[in-house]
PDB file of all heavy atoms in Angstrom:
ATOM      1  N   ALA A   1       0.478 -11.658 -41.506  1.00  0.00           N
ATOM      2  CA  ALA A   1      -0.477 -10.713 -42.069  1.00  0.00           C
ATOM      3  C   ALA A   1      -1.237 -11.350 -43.206  1.00  0.00           C
ATOM      4  O   ALA A   1      -0.728 -12.224 -43.921  1.00  0.00           O
ATOM      5  CB  ALA A   1       0.241  -9.467 -42.552  1.00  0.00           C
ATOM      6  N   ALA A   2      -2.489 -11.000 -43.352  1.00  0.00           N
ATOM      7  CA  ALA A   2      -3.317 -11.597 -44.385  1.00  0.00           C
ATOM      8  C   ALA A   2      -2.743 -11.285 -45.774  1.00  0.00           C
ATOM      9  O   ALA A   2      -2.321 -10.162 -46.045  1.00  0.00           O
ATOM     10  CB  ALA A   2      -4.733 -11.058 -44.273  1.00  0.00           C
ATOM     11  N   ALA A   3      -2.704 -12.306 -46.629  1.00  0.00           N
ATOM     12  CA  ALA A   3      -2.200 -12.112 -47.969  1.00  0.00           C
ATOM     13  C   ALA A   3      -3.208 -11.332 -48.802  1.00  0.00           C
ATOM     14  O   ALA A   3      -4.401 -11.319 -48.507  1.00  0.00           O
ATOM     15  CB  ALA A   3      -1.928 -13.474 -48.634  1.00  0.00           C
ATOM     16  N   LYS A   4      -2.688 -10.673 -49.810  1.00  0.00           N
ATOM     17  CA  LYS A   4      -3.559  -9.896 -50.697  1.00  0.00           C
ATOM     18  C   LYS A   4      -4.485 -10.821 -51.450  1.00  0.00           C
ATOM     19  O   LYS A   4      -4.077 -11.854 -51.985  1.00  0.00           O
ATOM     20  CB  LYS A   4      -2.693  -9.093 -51.666  1.00  0.00           C
ATOM     21  CG  LYS A   4      -3.492  -8.225 -52.630  1.00  0.00           C
ATOM     22  CD  LYS A   4      -2.557  -7.443 -53.540  1.00  0.00           C
ATOM     23  CE  LYS A   4      -1.825  -6.359 -52.785  1.00  0.00           C
ATOM     24  NZ  LYS A   4      -1.043  -5.483 -53.700  1.00  0.00           N
ATOM     25  N   THR A   5      -5.763 -10.502 -51.465  1.00  0.00           N
ATOM     26  CA  THR A   5      -6.745 -11.266 -52.219  1.00  0.00           C
ATOM     27  C   THR A   5      -6.662 -10.876 -53.688  1.00  0.00           C
ATOM     28  O   THR A   5      -6.781  -9.697 -54.029  1.00  0.00           O
ATOM     29  CB  THR A   5      -8.176 -11.031 -51.692  1.00  0.00           C
ATOM     30  OG1 THR A   5      -8.219 -11.390 -50.303  1.00  0.00           O
ATOM     31  CG2 THR A   5      -9.172 -11.857 -52.466  1.00  0.00           C
ATOM     32  N   VAL A   6      -6.448 -11.868 -54.537  1.00  0.00           N
ATOM     33  CA  VAL A   6      -6.282 -11.589 -55.951  1.00  0.00           C
ATOM     34  C   VAL A   6      -7.355 -12.344 -56.731  1.00  0.00           C
ATOM     35  O   VAL A   6      -7.444 -13.573 -56.618  1.00  0.00           O
ATOM     36  CB  VAL A   6      -4.890 -12.028 -56.458  1.00  0.00           C
ATOM     37  CG1 VAL A   6      -4.703 -11.630 -57.910  1.00  0.00           C
ATOM     38  CG2 VAL A   6      -3.799 -11.404 -55.602  1.00  0.00           C
ATOM     39  N   PRO A   7      -8.181 -11.648 -57.474  1.00  0.00           N
ATOM     40  CA  PRO A   7      -9.201 -12.332 -58.283  1.00  0.00           C
ATOM     41  C   PRO A   7      -8.576 -13.353 -59.221  1.00  0.00           C
ATOM     42  O   PRO A   7      -7.447 -13.192 -59.684  1.00  0.00           O
ATOM     43  CB  PRO A   7      -9.868 -11.198 -59.066  1.00  0.00           C
ATOM     44  CG  PRO A   7      -9.583  -9.962 -58.256  1.00  0.00           C
ATOM     45  CD  PRO A   7      -8.235 -10.186 -57.631  1.00  0.00           C
ATOM     46  N   ALA A   8      -9.323 -14.413 -59.492  1.00  0.00           N
ATOM     47  CA  ALA A   8      -8.818 -15.490 -60.346  1.00  0.00           C
ATOM     48  C   ALA A   8      -8.344 -14.928 -61.679  1.00  0.00           C
ATOM     49  O   ALA A   8      -9.022 -14.112 -62.323  1.00  0.00           O
ATOM     50  CB  ALA A   8      -9.912 -16.523 -60.585  1.00  0.00           C
ATOM     51  N   GLY A   9      -7.158 -15.347 -62.090  1.00  0.00           N
ATOM     52  CA  GLY A   9      -6.616 -14.960 -63.380  1.00  0.00           C
ATOM     53  C   GLY A   9      -6.000 -13.595 -63.427  1.00  0.00           C
ATOM     54  O   GLY A   9      -5.572 -13.140 -64.494  1.00  0.00           O
ATOM     55  N   GLN A  10      -5.903 -12.890 -62.276  1.00  0.00           N
ATOM     56  CA  GLN A  10      -5.400 -11.523 -62.300  1.00  0.00           C
ATOM     57  C   GLN A  10      -4.090 -11.323 -61.567  1.00  0.00           C
ATOM     58  O   GLN A  10      -3.616 -10.202 -61.453  1.00  0.00           O
ATOM     59  CB  GLN A  10      -6.470 -10.560 -61.734  1.00  0.00           C
ATOM     60  CG  GLN A  10      -7.720 -10.473 -62.585  1.00  0.00           C
ATOM     61  CD  GLN A  10      -8.676  -9.433 -62.080  1.00  0.00           C
ATOM     62  OE1 GLN A  10      -8.281  -8.484 -61.392  1.00  0.00           O
ATOM     63  NE2 GLN A  10      -9.946  -9.581 -62.416  1.00  0.00           N
ATOM     64  N   ASN A  11      -3.489 -12.371 -61.039  1.00  0.00           N
ATOM     65  CA  ASN A  11      -2.196 -12.246 -60.374  1.00  0.00           C
ATOM     66  C   ASN A  11      -1.113 -12.171 -61.439  1.00  0.00           C
ATOM     67  O   ASN A  11      -0.873 -13.160 -62.160  1.00  0.00           O
ATOM     68  CB  ASN A  11      -1.944 -13.416 -59.428  1.00  0.00           C
ATOM     69  CG  ASN A  11      -0.746 -13.202 -58.535  1.00  0.00           C
ATOM     70  OD1 ASN A  11       0.201 -12.529 -58.906  1.00  0.00           O
ATOM     71  ND2 ASN A  11      -0.783 -13.764 -57.345  1.00  0.00           N
ATOM     72  N   PRO A  12      -0.402 -11.053 -61.563  1.00  0.00           N
ATOM     73  CA  PRO A  12       0.608 -10.923 -62.642  1.00  0.00           C
ATOM     74  C   PRO A  12       1.761 -11.898 -62.480  1.00  0.00           C
ATOM     75  O   PRO A  12       2.446 -12.212 -63.465  1.00  0.00           O
ATOM     76  CB  PRO A  12       1.070  -9.468 -62.514  1.00  0.00           C
ATOM     77  CG  PRO A  12       0.763  -9.062 -61.116  1.00  0.00           C
ATOM     78  CD  PRO A  12      -0.503  -9.809 -60.766  1.00  0.00           C
ATOM     79  N   LEU A  13       1.993 -12.408 -61.270  1.00  0.00           N
ATOM     80  CA  LEU A  13       3.090 -13.339 -61.073  1.00  0.00           C
ATOM     81  C   LEU A  13       2.802 -14.689 -61.698  1.00  0.00           C
ATOM     82  O   LEU A  13       3.715 -15.487 -61.932  1.00  0.00           O
ATOM     83  CB  LEU A  13       3.357 -13.526 -59.568  1.00  0.00           C
ATOM     84  CG  LEU A  13       3.676 -12.270 -58.749  1.00  0.00           C
ATOM     85  CD1 LEU A  13       3.994 -12.640 -57.324  1.00  0.00           C
ATOM     86  CD2 LEU A  13       4.805 -11.478 -59.365  1.00  0.00           C
ATOM     87  N   LEU A  14       1.526 -14.965 -61.977  1.00  0.00           N
ATOM     88  CA  LEU A  14       1.131 -16.250 -62.520  1.00  0.00           C
ATOM     89  C   LEU A  14       1.009 -16.235 -64.047  1.00  0.00           C
ATOM     90  O   LEU A  14       0.860 -17.286 -64.682  1.00  0.00           O
ATOM     91  CB  LEU A  14      -0.210 -16.704 -61.932  1.00  0.00           C
ATOM     92  CG  LEU A  14      -0.189 -17.035 -60.437  1.00  0.00           C
ATOM     93  CD1 LEU A  14      -1.610 -17.154 -59.907  1.00  0.00           C
ATOM     94  CD2 LEU A  14       0.595 -18.301 -60.182  1.00  0.00           C
ATOM     95  N   GLN A  15       1.078 -15.062 -64.635  1.00  0.00           N
ATOM     96  CA  GLN A  15       0.864 -14.946 -66.066  1.00  0.00           C
ATOM     97  C   GLN A  15       2.135 -15.303 -66.845  1.00  0.00           C
ATOM     98  O   GLN A  15       3.239 -15.061 -66.394  1.00  0.00           O
ATOM     99  CB  GLN A  15       0.438 -13.519 -66.425  1.00  0.00           C
ATOM    100  CG  GLN A  15      -0.748 -13.003 -65.641  1.00  0.00           C
ATOM    101  CD  GLN A  15      -1.940 -13.948 -65.715  1.00  0.00           C
ATOM    102  OE1 GLN A  15      -2.301 -14.412 -66.798  1.00  0.00           O
ATOM    103  NE2 GLN A  15      -2.531 -14.244 -64.566  1.00  0.00           N
ATOM    104  N   PRO A  16       1.972 -15.896 -68.028  1.00  0.00           N
ATOM    105  CA  PRO A  16       3.143 -16.108 -68.896  1.00  0.00           C
ATOM    106  C   PRO A  16       3.830 -14.756 -69.153  1.00  0.00           C
ATOM    107  O   PRO A  16       3.171 -13.730 -69.297  1.00  0.00           O
ATOM    108  CB  PRO A  16       2.528 -16.663 -70.178  1.00  0.00           C
ATOM    109  CG  PRO A  16       1.239 -17.311 -69.735  1.00  0.00           C
ATOM    110  CD  PRO A  16       0.736 -16.433 -68.625  1.00  0.00           C
ATOM    111  N   TRP A  17       5.133 -14.777 -69.207  1.00  0.00           N
ATOM    112  CA  TRP A  17       5.880 -13.542 -69.411  1.00  0.00           C
ATOM    113  C   TRP A  17       5.697 -13.060 -70.860  1.00  0.00           C
ATOM    114  O   TRP A  17       5.730 -13.845 -71.808  1.00  0.00           O
ATOM    115  CB  TRP A  17       7.355 -13.761 -69.113  1.00  0.00           C
ATOM    116  CG  TRP A  17       7.596 -14.030 -67.647  1.00  0.00           C
ATOM    117  CD1 TRP A  17       6.757 -13.774 -66.611  1.00  0.00           C
ATOM    118  CD2 TRP A  17       8.777 -14.627 -67.082  1.00  0.00           C
ATOM    119  NE1 TRP A  17       7.328 -14.162 -65.428  1.00  0.00           N
ATOM    120  CE2 TRP A  17       8.566 -14.687 -65.680  1.00  0.00           C
ATOM    121  CE3 TRP A  17       9.954 -15.124 -67.614  1.00  0.00           C
ATOM    122  CZ2 TRP A  17       9.526 -15.218 -64.824  1.00  0.00           C
ATOM    123  CZ3 TRP A  17      10.911 -15.644 -66.734  1.00  0.00           C
ATOM    124  CH2 TRP A  17      10.696 -15.686 -65.364  1.00  0.00           C
ATOM    125  N   THR A  18       5.508 -11.759 -70.990  1.00  0.00           N
ATOM    126  CA  THR A  18       5.282 -11.176 -72.298  1.00  0.00           C
ATOM    127  C   THR A  18       6.434 -10.226 -72.644  1.00  0.00           C
ATOM    128  O   THR A  18       7.359 -10.020 -71.851  1.00  0.00           O
ATOM    129  CB  THR A  18       3.953 -10.405 -72.318  1.00  0.00           C
ATOM    130  OG1 THR A  18       3.998  -9.367 -71.317  1.00  0.00           O
ATOM    131  CG2 THR A  18       2.777 -11.333 -72.037  1.00  0.00           C
ATOM    132  N   GLY A  19       6.345  -9.630 -73.825  1.00  0.00           N
ATOM    133  CA  GLY A  19       7.380  -8.696 -74.265  1.00  0.00           C
ATOM    134  C   GLY A  19       8.386  -9.365 -75.169  1.00  0.00           C
ATOM    135  O   GLY A  19       8.187 -10.470 -75.631  1.00  0.00           O
ATOM    136  N   PRO A  20       9.505  -8.694 -75.420  1.00  0.00           N
ATOM    137  CA  PRO A  20      10.517  -9.226 -76.332  1.00  0.00           C
ATOM    138  C   PRO A  20      11.276 -10.405 -75.731  1.00  0.00           C
ATOM    139  O   PRO A  20      11.101 -10.750 -74.559  1.00  0.00           O
ATOM    140  CB  PRO A  20      11.436  -8.026 -76.545  1.00  0.00           C
ATOM    141  CG  PRO A  20      11.322  -7.253 -75.265  1.00  0.00           C
ATOM    142  CD  PRO A  20       9.885  -7.390 -74.830  1.00  0.00           C
ATOM    143  N   TYR A  21      12.106 -11.026 -76.549  1.00  0.00           N
ATOM    144  CA  TYR A  21      13.017 -12.091 -76.103  1.00  0.00           C
ATOM    145  C   TYR A  21      12.250 -13.283 -75.525  1.00  0.00           C
ATOM    146  O   TYR A  21      12.633 -13.859 -74.505  1.00  0.00           O
ATOM    147  CB  TYR A  21      14.027 -11.560 -75.084  1.00  0.00           C
ATOM    148  CG  TYR A  21      14.654 -10.264 -75.476  1.00  0.00           C
ATOM    149  CD1 TYR A  21      14.408  -9.096 -74.762  1.00  0.00           C
ATOM    150  CD2 TYR A  21      15.464 -10.179 -76.610  1.00  0.00           C
ATOM    151  CE1 TYR A  21      14.959  -7.895 -75.136  1.00  0.00           C
ATOM    152  CE2 TYR A  21      16.034  -8.974 -76.997  1.00  0.00           C
ATOM    153  CZ  TYR A  21      15.759  -7.828 -76.266  1.00  0.00           C
ATOM    154  OH  TYR A  21      16.302  -6.615 -76.648  1.00  0.00           O
ATOM    155  N   GLN A  22      11.143 -13.644 -76.165  1.00  0.00           N
ATOM    156  CA  GLN A  22      10.288 -14.756 -75.705  1.00  0.00           C
ATOM    157  C   GLN A  22       9.622 -14.454 -74.372  1.00  0.00           C
ATOM    158  O   GLN A  22       9.171 -15.354 -73.653  1.00  0.00           O
ATOM    159  CB  GLN A  22      11.078 -16.072 -75.619  1.00  0.00           C
ATOM    160  CG  GLN A  22      11.660 -16.539 -76.927  1.00  0.00           C
ATOM    161  CD  GLN A  22      12.429 -17.847 -76.810  1.00  0.00           C
ATOM    162  OE1 GLN A  22      12.196 -18.633 -75.893  1.00  0.00           O
ATOM    163  NE2 GLN A  22      13.346 -18.080 -77.762  1.00  0.00           N
ATOM    164  N   GLY A  23       9.570 -13.200 -74.002  1.00  0.00           N
ATOM    165  CA  GLY A  23       8.965 -12.800 -72.748  1.00  0.00           C
ATOM    166  C   GLY A  23      10.003 -12.579 -71.663  1.00  0.00           C
ATOM    167  O   GLY A  23      10.985 -13.324 -71.574  1.00  0.00           O
ATOM    168  N   VAL A  24       9.799 -11.531 -70.855  1.00  0.00           N
ATOM    169  CA  VAL A  24      10.722 -11.218 -69.764  1.00  0.00           C
ATOM    170  C   VAL A  24       9.949 -11.050 -68.471  1.00  0.00           C
ATOM    171  O   VAL A  24       8.741 -10.751 -68.486  1.00  0.00           O
ATOM    172  CB  VAL A  24      11.529  -9.932 -70.072  1.00  0.00           C
ATOM    173  CG1 VAL A  24      12.454 -10.131 -71.254  1.00  0.00           C
ATOM    174  CG2 VAL A  24      10.587  -8.748 -70.340  1.00  0.00           C
ATOM    175  N   PRO A  25      10.586 -11.244 -67.328  1.00  0.00           N
ATOM    176  CA  PRO A  25       9.891 -11.130 -66.047  1.00  0.00           C
ATOM    177  C   PRO A  25       9.301  -9.738 -65.834  1.00  0.00           C
ATOM    178  O   PRO A  25       9.970  -8.739 -66.123  1.00  0.00           O
ATOM    179  CB  PRO A  25      10.967 -11.448 -65.006  1.00  0.00           C
ATOM    180  CG  PRO A  25      12.023 -12.202 -65.764  1.00  0.00           C
ATOM    181  CD  PRO A  25      11.997 -11.654 -67.151  1.00  0.00           C
ATOM    182  N   PRO A  26       8.097  -9.654 -65.293  1.00  0.00           N
ATOM    183  CA  PRO A  26       7.469  -8.345 -65.042  1.00  0.00           C
ATOM    184  C   PRO A  26       7.922  -7.763 -63.703  1.00  0.00           C
ATOM    185  O   PRO A  26       7.178  -7.666 -62.739  1.00  0.00           O
ATOM    186  CB  PRO A  26       5.970  -8.688 -65.013  1.00  0.00           C
ATOM    187  CG  PRO A  26       5.931 -10.087 -64.473  1.00  0.00           C
ATOM    188  CD  PRO A  26       7.172 -10.774 -64.995  1.00  0.00           C
ATOM    189  N   TRP A  27       9.197  -7.380 -63.646  1.00  0.00           N
ATOM    190  CA  TRP A  27       9.761  -6.897 -62.389  1.00  0.00           C
ATOM    191  C   TRP A  27       9.021  -5.664 -61.865  1.00  0.00           C
ATOM    192  O   TRP A  27       9.009  -5.416 -60.657  1.00  0.00           O
ATOM    193  CB  TRP A  27      11.248  -6.582 -62.555  1.00  0.00           C
ATOM    194  CG  TRP A  27      12.087  -7.731 -62.973  1.00  0.00           C
ATOM    195  CD1 TRP A  27      12.840  -7.839 -64.097  1.00  0.00           C
ATOM    196  CD2 TRP A  27      12.266  -8.986 -62.273  1.00  0.00           C
ATOM    197  NE1 TRP A  27      13.478  -9.063 -64.150  1.00  0.00           N
ATOM    198  CE2 TRP A  27      13.134  -9.792 -63.045  1.00  0.00           C
ATOM    199  CE3 TRP A  27      11.763  -9.489 -61.076  1.00  0.00           C
ATOM    200  CZ2 TRP A  27      13.544 -11.056 -62.645  1.00  0.00           C
ATOM    201  CZ3 TRP A  27      12.145 -10.769 -60.685  1.00  0.00           C
ATOM    202  CH2 TRP A  27      13.016 -11.535 -61.466  1.00  0.00           C
ATOM    203  N   ASP A  28       8.395  -4.931 -62.764  1.00  0.00           N
ATOM    204  CA  ASP A  28       7.633  -3.747 -62.322  1.00  0.00           C
ATOM    205  C   ASP A  28       6.348  -4.144 -61.590  1.00  0.00           C
ATOM    206  O   ASP A  28       5.702  -3.294 -60.981  1.00  0.00           O
ATOM    207  CB  ASP A  28       7.287  -2.854 -63.516  1.00  0.00           C
ATOM    208  CG  ASP A  28       6.652  -3.613 -64.666  1.00  0.00           C
ATOM    209  OD1 ASP A  28       6.866  -4.829 -64.774  1.00  0.00           O
ATOM    210  OD2 ASP A  28       5.926  -2.986 -65.467  1.00  0.00           O
ATOM    211  N   LYS A  29       6.000  -5.435 -61.640  1.00  0.00           N
ATOM    212  CA  LYS A  29       4.792  -5.913 -60.938  1.00  0.00           C
ATOM    213  C   LYS A  29       5.165  -6.634 -59.624  1.00  0.00           C
ATOM    214  O   LYS A  29       4.303  -7.207 -58.965  1.00  0.00           O
ATOM    215  CB  LYS A  29       4.008  -6.877 -61.837  1.00  0.00           C
ATOM    216  CG  LYS A  29       3.590  -6.310 -63.172  1.00  0.00           C
ATOM    217  CD  LYS A  29       2.526  -5.248 -63.027  1.00  0.00           C
ATOM    218  CE  LYS A  29       1.848  -4.912 -64.355  1.00  0.00           C
ATOM    219  NZ  LYS A  29       2.763  -4.453 -65.389  1.00  0.00           N
ATOM    220  N   LEU A  30       6.450  -6.607 -59.279  1.00  0.00           N
ATOM    221  CA  LEU A  30       6.893  -7.336 -58.081  1.00  0.00           C
ATOM    222  C   LEU A  30       6.260  -6.757 -56.847  1.00  0.00           C
ATOM    223  O   LEU A  30       6.333  -5.558 -56.565  1.00  0.00           O
ATOM    224  CB  LEU A  30       8.416  -7.246 -57.985  1.00  0.00           C
ATOM    225  CG  LEU A  30       9.173  -8.386 -57.300  1.00  0.00           C
ATOM    226  CD1 LEU A  30       8.929  -9.697 -58.011  1.00  0.00           C
ATOM    227  CD2 LEU A  30      10.682  -8.075 -57.301  1.00  0.00           C
ATOM    228  N   ASP A  31       5.591  -7.605 -56.061  1.00  0.00           N
ATOM    229  CA  ASP A  31       4.890  -7.180 -54.838  1.00  0.00           C
ATOM    230  C   ASP A  31       4.856  -8.370 -53.897  1.00  0.00           C
ATOM    231  O   ASP A  31       4.257  -9.395 -54.225  1.00  0.00           O
ATOM    232  CB  ASP A  31       3.468  -6.722 -55.194  1.00  0.00           C
ATOM    233  CG  ASP A  31       2.654  -6.311 -53.963  1.00  0.00           C
ATOM    234  OD1 ASP A  31       3.129  -6.504 -52.820  1.00  0.00           O
ATOM    235  OD2 ASP A  31       1.533  -5.799 -54.153  1.00  0.00           O
ATOM    236  N   PRO A  32       5.506  -8.291 -52.724  1.00  0.00           N
ATOM    237  CA  PRO A  32       5.528  -9.438 -51.814  1.00  0.00           C
ATOM    238  C   PRO A  32       4.138  -9.993 -51.508  1.00  0.00           C
ATOM    239  O   PRO A  32       3.971 -11.207 -51.340  1.00  0.00           O
ATOM    240  CB  PRO A  32       6.196  -8.881 -50.563  1.00  0.00           C
ATOM    241  CG  PRO A  32       7.006  -7.728 -51.028  1.00  0.00           C
ATOM    242  CD  PRO A  32       6.252  -7.133 -52.183  1.00  0.00           C
ATOM    243  N   GLU A  33       3.144  -9.126 -51.443  1.00  0.00           N
ATOM    244  CA  GLU A  33       1.805  -9.561 -51.059  1.00  0.00           C
ATOM    245  C   GLU A  33       1.164 -10.474 -52.098  1.00  0.00           C
ATOM    246  O   GLU A  33       0.190 -11.155 -51.793  1.00  0.00           O
ATOM    247  CB  GLU A  33       0.910  -8.341 -50.812  1.00  0.00           C
ATOM    248  CG  GLU A  33       1.425  -7.405 -49.735  1.00  0.00           C
ATOM    249  CD  GLU A  33       1.542  -8.072 -48.378  1.00  0.00           C
ATOM    250  OE1 GLU A  33       0.921  -9.126 -48.155  1.00  0.00           O
ATOM    251  OE2 GLU A  33       2.262  -7.529 -47.522  1.00  0.00           O
ATOM    252  N   LEU A  34       1.684 -10.477 -53.302  1.00  0.00           N
ATOM    253  CA  LEU A  34       1.108 -11.330 -54.355  1.00  0.00           C
ATOM    254  C   LEU A  34       1.618 -12.776 -54.288  1.00  0.00           C
ATOM    255  O   LEU A  34       1.023 -13.661 -54.913  1.00  0.00           O
ATOM    256  CB  LEU A  34       1.446 -10.752 -55.734  1.00  0.00           C
ATOM    257  CG  LEU A  34       0.828  -9.399 -56.085  1.00  0.00           C
ATOM    258  CD1 LEU A  34       1.413  -8.896 -57.398  1.00  0.00           C
ATOM    259  CD2 LEU A  34      -0.693  -9.489 -56.171  1.00  0.00           C
ATOM    260  N   PHE A  35       2.703 -13.027 -53.567  1.00  0.00           N
ATOM    261  CA  PHE A  35       3.317 -14.346 -53.619  1.00  0.00           C
ATOM    262  C   PHE A  35       2.523 -15.448 -52.918  1.00  0.00           C
ATOM    263  O   PHE A  35       2.457 -16.552 -53.461  1.00  0.00           O
ATOM    264  CB  PHE A  35       4.744 -14.270 -53.069  1.00  0.00           C
ATOM    265  CG  PHE A  35       5.724 -13.756 -54.091  1.00  0.00           C
ATOM    266  CD1 PHE A  35       6.133 -12.424 -54.070  1.00  0.00           C
ATOM    267  CD2 PHE A  35       6.218 -14.566 -55.075  1.00  0.00           C
ATOM    268  CE1 PHE A  35       7.012 -11.925 -55.010  1.00  0.00           C
ATOM    269  CE2 PHE A  35       7.116 -14.073 -56.040  1.00  0.00           C
ATOM    270  CZ  PHE A  35       7.513 -12.753 -55.993  1.00  0.00           C
ATOM    271  N   PRO A  36       1.907 -15.226 -51.750  1.00  0.00           N
ATOM    272  CA  PRO A  36       1.122 -16.320 -51.171  1.00  0.00           C
ATOM    273  C   PRO A  36       0.065 -16.859 -52.135  1.00  0.00           C
ATOM    274  O   PRO A  36      -0.098 -18.076 -52.277  1.00  0.00           O
ATOM    275  CB  PRO A  36       0.514 -15.686 -49.915  1.00  0.00           C
ATOM    276  CG  PRO A  36       1.514 -14.650 -49.523  1.00  0.00           C
ATOM    277  CD  PRO A  36       2.014 -14.085 -50.833  1.00  0.00           C
TER     278      PRO A  36
END
């Protein structure tokens, strides 16, 4: 199946982790279609 098209700079899986503890994984943004 075609992967989700993600505009440049907007894929949350590619962003540095933010939040406390030097940043934590954004598990609430987990979406298989974002991985390709």
